[in-house]
Protein backbone atom coordinates (compact mmCIF):
# COMPACT_ATOMS: atom_id res chain seq x y z
CA ALA A 1 0.00 -0.54 0.05
CA ALA A 2 2.66 2.56 0.57
CA GLN A 3 4.58 1.43 -2.44
CA ALA A 4 0.96 2.39 -4.16
CA VAL A 5 0.63 5.23 -2.71
CA ALA A 6 5.12 6.44 -3.24
CA ALA A 7 4.22 5.33 -6.88
CA LYS A 8 1.29 7.31 -7.50
CA ALA A 9 2.49 10.83 -5.19
CA LYS A 10 6.43 9.91 -7.89
CA ALA A 11 4.03 10.07 -11.21
CA LYS A 12 1.53 12.89 -9.93
CA GLY A 13 4.87 15.19 -9.19
CA ALA A 14 6.34 13.86 -12.82
CA LYS A 15 2.77 15.13 -14.42
CA ASP A 16 3.50 18.70 -12.66
CA ALA A 17 7.29 18.91 -13.44
CA GLU A 18 6.27 17.70 -16.91
CA ASN A 19 2.98 20.52 -16.66
CA ARG A 20 5.93 23.23 -15.36
CA VAL A 21 8.14 22.65 -17.89
CA ALA A 22 5.50 23.09 -20.94
CA LYS A 23 4.60 26.34 -19.12
CA ALA A 24 8.13 28.03 -18.96
CA ASP A 25 8.53 26.51 -22.71
CA ALA A 26 5.67 28.08 -24.27
CA GLU A 27 6.55 31.23 -22.07
CA ILE A 28 10.25 31.57 -23.84
CA GLY A 29 8.45 31.67 -27.20
CA VAL A 30 6.42 34.26 -26.74
CA LYS A 31 9.02 36.24 -24.80
CA MET A 32 11.70 34.70 -27.93
CA ALA A 33 8.84 35.99 -30.36
CA VAL A 34 8.52 39.43 -28.37
CA ALA A 35 12.39 39.61 -28.80
CA ASP A 36 12.64 38.88 -32.72
CA LYS A 37 10.37 41.60 -33.47
CA ALA A 38 12.04 44.26 -30.85
CA LEU A 39 15.54 42.94 -32.27
CA ALA A 40 14.04 43.48 -35.93
CA LYS A 41 12.88 46.78 -35.75
CA ALA A 42 16.02 48.06 -34.50
CA ARG A 43 18.18 46.25 -37.23
CA ASP A 44 15.34 47.85 -39.90
CA LYS A 45 15.78 50.85 -37.73
CA ALA A 46 19.46 51.26 -38.13
CA LEU A 47 19.65 50.79 -41.77
CA GLU A 48 17.34 53.29 -42.75
CA SER A 49 19.60 55.16 -40.45
CA LEU A 50 22.71 54.22 -42.10
CA GLU A 51 21.55 54.47 -45.94
CA ALA A 52 20.19 58.06 -44.90
CA LEU A 53 23.75 58.50 -44.16
CA ALA A 54 25.11 56.66 -46.53
CA THR A 55 22.99 59.17 -49.39
CA ASP A 56 24.13 62.05 -47.80
CA ALA A 57 27.74 61.09 -48.36
CA ALA A 58 27.16 59.66 -51.36
CA THR A 59 26.15 63.20 -52.46
CA ASP A 60 28.56 65.24 -51.23
CA ILE A 61 31.48 62.21 -52.38
CA VAL A 62 29.96 62.57 -55.90
CA ALA A 63 29.81 67.13 -55.84
CA LYS A 64 32.78 67.14 -54.35
CA LEU A 65 34.88 65.23 -56.28
CA SER A 66 33.32 65.72 -60.05
CA GLY A 67 31.32 68.60 -59.73
CA VAL A 68 28.15 66.80 -60.40
CA THR A 69 24.93 67.09 -58.53
CA VAL A 70 23.16 64.13 -57.50
CA THR A 71 19.77 64.61 -56.69
CA PRO A 72 18.39 62.33 -53.41
CA ALA A 73 17.02 60.13 -54.70
CA ASN A 74 19.72 59.33 -57.72
CA ALA A 75 21.66 58.92 -54.78
CA THR A 76 19.41 57.04 -52.42
CA LYS A 77 18.90 54.53 -55.53
CA ALA A 78 22.76 54.00 -55.55
CA VAL A 79 23.36 53.73 -52.12
CA LYS A 80 20.62 50.78 -51.73
CA ALA A 81 21.12 48.78 -54.98
CA PHE A 82 24.36 49.02 -52.90
CA LEU A 83 23.80 47.72 -49.59
CA ASN A 84 21.31 44.58 -51.31
CA GLY A 85 24.30 44.17 -53.00
């Protein structure tokens, strides 16, 4: 009888542990998804800043080296083409 009670308690403890692990896994999955979205947003914002900086630099460099004025639209197009390979 004592062995049966112990076995039942052990099984219940194992099931409770499995449930806690499953709950923790689900919570971690949600947190990872939120973190991935935040990282993607930060990466996109950084790339936008990089593109703007590169566009300004390209416009200035072309003007100083060749005397040609490049439109912001053309500079942006060239920078995006370069950055995207």
